[in-house]
C-alpha atoms as a PDB file:
ATOM      1  CA  UNK A   1      -2.424 -36.449  -0.679  1.00  0.00           C
ATOM      2  CA  UNK A   2      -2.333 -32.746  -2.205  1.00  0.00           C
ATOM      3  CA  UNK A   3      -0.906 -30.587  -1.165  1.00  0.00           C
ATOM      4  CA  UNK A   4      -3.141 -26.912  -0.116  1.00  0.00           C
ATOM      5  CA  UNK A   5      -2.947 -23.712  -1.422  1.00  0.00           C
ATOM      6  CA  UNK A   6      -1.264 -22.398   1.860  1.00  0.00           C
ATOM      7  CA  UNK A   7       0.627 -25.185   1.538  1.00  0.00           C
ATOM      8  CA  UNK A   8       1.898 -25.075  -1.485  1.00  0.00           C
ATOM      9  CA  UNK A   9       2.554 -20.383  -1.458  1.00  0.00           C
ATOM     10  CA  UNK A  10       3.553 -20.432   2.457  1.00  0.00           C
ATOM     11  CA  UNK A  11       7.361 -19.214   2.060  1.00  0.00           C
ATOM     12  CA  UNK A  12       5.487 -16.209   0.056  1.00  0.00           C
ATOM     13  CA  UNK A  13       2.330 -15.573   2.000  1.00  0.00           C
ATOM     14  CA  UNK A  14       4.732 -15.299   5.116  1.00  0.00           C
ATOM     15  CA  UNK A  15       6.972 -13.043   3.173  1.00  0.00           C
ATOM     16  CA  UNK A  16       4.195 -11.047   2.685  1.00  0.00           C
ATOM     17  CA  UNK A  17       2.183 -10.967   5.669  1.00  0.00           C
ATOM     18  CA  UNK A  18       6.242 -10.057   7.270  1.00  0.00           C
ATOM     19  CA  UNK A  19       6.175  -6.609   4.898  1.00  0.00           C
ATOM     20  CA  UNK A  20       2.678  -5.890   5.832  1.00  0.00           C
ATOM     21  CA  UNK A  21       3.490  -6.515   9.491  1.00  0.00           C
ATOM     22  CA  UNK A  22       7.283  -4.423   9.663  1.00  0.00           C
ATOM     23  CA  UNK A  23       4.860  -1.736   8.490  1.00  0.00           C
ATOM     24  CA  UNK A  24       2.538  -1.885  11.849  1.00  0.00           C
ATOM     25  CA  UNK A  25       5.377  -2.869  13.738  1.00  0.00           C
ATOM     26  CA  UNK A  26       6.674   0.230  12.277  1.00  0.00           C
ATOM     27  CA  UNK A  27       3.782   2.678  13.116  1.00  0.00           C
ATOM     28  CA  UNK A  28       0.773   2.638  15.988  1.00  0.00           C
ATOM     29  CA  UNK A  29      -1.782   3.963  13.944  1.00  0.00           C
ATOM     30  CA  UNK A  30      -1.983   1.575  11.549  1.00  0.00           C
ATOM     31  CA  UNK A  31      -5.192  -0.575  11.256  1.00  0.00           C
ATOM     32  CA  UNK A  32      -6.915  -3.462   8.474  1.00  0.00           C
ATOM     33  CA  UNK A  33      -8.008  -0.681   6.966  1.00  0.00           C
ATOM     34  CA  UNK A  34      -4.384   0.190   5.260  1.00  0.00           C
ATOM     35  CA  UNK A  35      -2.961  -3.483   5.107  1.00  0.00           C
ATOM     36  CA  UNK A  36      -6.315  -4.022   2.909  1.00  0.00           C
ATOM     37  CA  UNK A  37      -5.585  -0.629   0.500  1.00  0.00           C
ATOM     38  CA  UNK A  38      -1.983  -1.859   0.293  1.00  0.00           C
ATOM     39  CA  UNK A  39      -3.042  -5.081  -0.520  1.00  0.00           C
ATOM     40  CA  UNK A  40      -5.507  -3.833  -3.346  1.00  0.00           C
ATOM     41  CA  UNK A  41      -3.937  -1.658  -5.426  1.00  0.00           C
ATOM     42  CA  UNK A  42      -0.972  -4.017  -5.535  1.00  0.00           C
ATOM     43  CA  UNK A  43      -3.412  -6.783  -6.975  1.00  0.00           C
ATOM     44  CA  UNK A  44      -4.881  -4.082  -9.778  1.00  0.00           C
ATOM     45  CA  UNK A  45      -1.131  -3.164 -10.241  1.00  0.00           C
ATOM     46  CA  UNK A  46      -0.521  -6.856 -10.953  1.00  0.00           C
ATOM     47  CA  UNK A  47      -2.966  -7.542 -13.033  1.00  0.00           C
ATOM     48  CA  UNK A  48      -2.798  -4.749 -15.384  1.00  0.00           C
ATOM     49  CA  UNK A  49       0.942  -5.664 -15.634  1.00  0.00           C
ATOM     50  CA  UNK A  50      -1.277  -9.508 -16.576  1.00  0.00           C
ATOM     51  CA  UNK A  51      -2.473  -8.045 -19.656  1.00  0.00           C
ATOM     52  CA  UNK A  52      -0.326  -5.529 -20.628  1.00  0.00           C
ATOM     53  CA  UNK A  53      -1.994  -2.619 -19.240  1.00  0.00           C
ATOM     54  CA  UNK A  54      -0.162   0.685 -17.975  1.00  0.00           C
ATOM     55  CA  UNK A  55      -0.143   0.324 -14.298  1.00  0.00           C
ATOM     56  CA  UNK A  56      -2.993   1.804 -12.755  1.00  0.00           C
ATOM     57  CA  UNK A  57      -1.930   4.868 -11.165  1.00  0.00           C
ATOM     58  CA  UNK A  58      -2.007   5.129  -7.622  1.00  0.00           C
ATOM     59  CA  UNK A  59      -3.297   8.096  -5.257  1.00  0.00           C
ATOM     60  CA  UNK A  60      -2.931   5.874  -1.413  1.00  0.00           C
ATOM     61  CA  UNK A  61      -2.503   7.190   1.649  1.00  0.00           C
ATOM     62  CA  UNK A  62       1.488   7.721   3.644  1.00  0.00           C
ATOM     63  CA  UNK A  63       1.085   4.281   4.956  1.00  0.00           C
ATOM     64  CA  UNK A  64      -1.181   2.265   2.653  1.00  0.00           C
ATOM     65  CA  UNK A  65       2.004   3.992   0.644  1.00  0.00           C
ATOM     66  CA  UNK A  66       4.640   2.773   2.289  1.00  0.00           C
ATOM     67  CA  UNK A  67       2.548  -0.833   3.214  1.00  0.00           C
ATOM     68  CA  UNK A  68       2.253  -1.269  -0.533  1.00  0.00           C
ATOM     69  CA  UNK A  69       6.071  -0.658  -1.254  1.00  0.00           C
ATOM     70  CA  UNK A  70       7.136  -2.682   1.517  1.00  0.00           C
ATOM     71  CA  UNK A  71       4.732  -5.387   0.234  1.00  0.00           C
ATOM     72  CA  UNK A  72       5.442  -4.972  -3.211  1.00  0.00           C
ATOM     73  CA  UNK A  73       9.477  -5.026  -2.883  1.00  0.00           C
ATOM     74  CA  UNK A  74       8.856  -8.021  -1.306  1.00  0.00           C
ATOM     75  CA  UNK A  75       6.620  -9.478  -4.065  1.00  0.00           C
ATOM     76  CA  UNK A  76       8.945  -8.459  -6.434  1.00  0.00           C
ATOM     77  CA  UNK A  77      12.018 -10.537  -4.838  1.00  0.00           C
ATOM     78  CA  UNK A  78       9.845 -13.204  -5.095  1.00  0.00           C
ATOM     79  CA  UNK A  79       8.930 -12.578  -8.817  1.00  0.00           C
ATOM     80  CA  UNK A  80      12.914 -12.666  -9.092  1.00  0.00           C
ATOM     81  CA  UNK A  81      12.633  -8.900 -10.294  1.00  0.00           C
ATOM     82  CA  UNK A  82      14.747  -7.752  -7.111  1.00  0.00           C
ATOM     83  CA  UNK A  83      17.268  -9.313  -4.306  1.00  0.00           C
ATOM     84  CA  UNK A  84      16.386  -7.973  -1.049  1.00  0.00           C
ATOM     85  CA  UNK A  85      17.787  -9.619   0.880  1.00  0.00           C
ATOM     86  CA  UNK A  86      21.719 -10.621   2.120  1.00  0.00           C
ATOM     87  CA  UNK A  87      23.435 -13.354   2.406  1.00  0.00           C
ATOM     88  CA  UNK A  88      26.771 -13.631   5.387  1.00  0.00           C
ATOM     89  CA  UNK A  89      28.757 -12.322   2.834  1.00  0.00           C
ATOM     90  CA  UNK A  90      27.082  -9.080   1.678  1.00  0.00           C
ATOM     91  CA  UNK A  91      26.393 -10.904  -1.038  1.00  0.00           C
ATOM     92  CA  UNK A  92      22.281  -9.982  -2.318  1.00  0.00           C
ATOM     93  CA  UNK A  93      20.181 -13.139  -2.195  1.00  0.00           C
ATOM     94  CA  UNK A  94      18.326 -13.802  -5.940  1.00  0.00           C
ATOM     95  CA  UNK A  95      14.977 -15.991  -5.741  1.00  0.00           C
ATOM     96  CA  UNK A  96      16.095 -18.304  -8.916  1.00  0.00           C
ATOM     97  CA  UNK A  97      14.891 -21.398  -9.895  1.00  0.00           C
ATOM     98  CA  UNK A  98      12.229 -20.313  -7.184  1.00  0.00           C
ATOM     99  CA  UNK A  99      11.032 -17.453  -8.378  1.00  0.00           C
ATOM    100  CA  UNK A 100       7.538 -16.491  -9.097  1.00  0.00           C
ATOM    101  CA  UNK A 101       4.823 -16.119 -11.933  1.00  0.00           C
ATOM    102  CA  UNK A 102       3.048 -12.264 -12.008  1.00  0.00           C
ATOM    103  CA  UNK A 103      -0.215 -15.402 -11.630  1.00  0.00           C
ATOM    104  CA  UNK A 104       0.990 -16.546  -9.094  1.00  0.00           C
ATOM    105  CA  UNK A 105       1.630 -13.068  -7.014  1.00  0.00           C
ATOM    106  CA  UNK A 106      -1.883 -12.169  -7.853  1.00  0.00           C
ATOM    107  CA  UNK A 107      -2.935 -15.014  -6.711  1.00  0.00           C
ATOM    108  CA  UNK A 108      -0.762 -15.133  -3.272  1.00  0.00           C
ATOM    109  CA  UNK A 109      -2.453 -10.854  -2.956  1.00  0.00           C
ATOM    110  CA  UNK A 110      -6.460 -12.559  -3.092  1.00  0.00           C
ATOM    111  CA  UNK A 111      -5.252 -14.851  -0.358  1.00  0.00           C
ATOM    112  CA  UNK A 112      -3.713 -12.767   2.357  1.00  0.00           C
ATOM    113  CA  UNK A 113      -6.558 -10.128   1.213  1.00  0.00           C
ATOM    114  CA  UNK A 114      -9.043 -12.730   2.558  1.00  0.00           C
ATOM    115  CA  UNK A 115      -7.389 -13.173   4.825  1.00  0.00           C
ATOM    116  CA  UNK A 116      -7.365  -9.132   6.060  1.00  0.00           C
ATOM    117  CA  UNK A 117     -10.943  -9.438   5.586  1.00  0.00           C
ATOM    118  CA  UNK A 118     -11.361 -12.247   7.722  1.00  0.00           C
ATOM    119  CA  UNK A 119      -9.742 -11.819  11.049  1.00  0.00           C
ATOM    120  CA  UNK A 120     -11.143  -7.972  10.696  1.00  0.00           C
ATOM    121  CA  UNK A 121     -14.413  -8.951  10.410  1.00  0.00           C
ATOM    122  CA  UNK A 122     -14.117 -11.720  13.047  1.00  0.00           C
ATOM    123  CA  UNK A 123     -11.245  -9.309  15.575  1.00  0.00           C
ATOM    124  CA  UNK A 124     -12.294  -5.567  14.585  1.00  0.00           C
ATOM    125  CA  UNK A 125      -9.672  -2.393  13.428  1.00  0.00           C
ATOM    126  CA  UNK A 126      -6.232  -4.685  13.966  1.00  0.00           C
ATOM    127  CA  UNK A 127      -7.922  -8.288  14.083  1.00  0.00           C
ATOM    128  CA  UNK A 128      -6.125  -9.222  11.278  1.00  0.00           C
ATOM    129  CA  UNK A 129      -2.276  -7.835  12.533  1.00  0.00           C
ATOM    130  CA  UNK A 130      -3.745  -9.548  16.116  1.00  0.00           C
ATOM    131  CA  UNK A 131      -3.871 -13.057  14.264  1.00  0.00           C
ATOM    132  CA  UNK A 132      -0.804 -12.954  11.918  1.00  0.00           C
ATOM    133  CA  UNK A 133       1.389 -11.351  14.670  1.00  0.00           C
ATOM    134  CA  UNK A 134       1.444 -14.061  16.773  1.00  0.00           C
ATOM    135  CA  UNK A 135       3.684 -15.860  13.637  1.00  0.00           C
ATOM    136  CA  UNK A 136       6.106 -13.632  12.369  1.00  0.00           C
ATOM    137  CA  UNK A 137       9.288 -13.022  14.300  1.00  0.00           C
END
C-alpha cells in the first residue's frame, strides 16, 4: 500500500504545527488568522527561493512575525540549514541525511495552510488551534 502524504511527511508537518502551537500557547490573543498569514508568508519566501528570486519584503504584524519566525526556524532545521535542538550532552542536533528539499517544505507548508483553513471554517477563529493542540505536547 502506498504511503499517504500525511504519513510520509508526518514529522515535518508536526514540527511546523508545533512551532505555531507554541506561539499560540504563549499568546492568548492569537487566532488562526495569524497562523494562516505566517504560513502564507513562508510559502511566498520559499517559493521565491526555489525560483532563485529575492525574498519578498514582509511587513507582518508582531504576532504573525513571531509565528513566522518560529515556523521558519523549524523549516530551516528540516532543510538541514540550522541546528535547533541539543542532545543530552548539549550538542546541537542536525537533520543530516533526513534533510528535506525546499520543494518538500513548500508542499508541507501548503498542507498546513489547508488544515488551518479547514479547521477555521469548522471551528471558528481558533478552530485550527483547538483541533491541533490536542495532538501536540
